[in-house]
Amino acid sequence: MKKNGKIINIGSSVINLLPEGESIYAASKAGIISFSKVLSKEIKKFNITSNCVSPFIVNTQMIKKINNKKITEILQKKNKQKNKLSEIYNIIIKIINDNKINGKNFSL
């Protein structure tokens, strides 16, 4: 029996903006991204892949608690829109269906 598996972690591309007041969030998401990349090397021999999907901003309960002005400023600074769940879903499906994707961070 051949064993295999996939680990898909969720990071954040917002950390690239170094958001003021979000140091704990930024540190934890940066850690997840690095963890996924290093883990991918360690578990490759078991036919297990490890990747990370890092959306920008998605409408979640956490985002709704942040000052809307702050969110607008971030979106304008990067000239971006909030990510749709379908964008995240499509990347995850791509990772699931392709056994060659390993050690990647998909920054949306």
Foldseek 3Di string as FASTA:
>chain_A
DQDAEEAEAEAAPQLVVVDPPCVVNSVVRVVLLVCQLVVQVVCVVSNYAGEYEHEYAADDPVVVPDDPVSVVVSCVVVVHDHDYVVVVVVVVVVPVVDSVDHSYYHYD
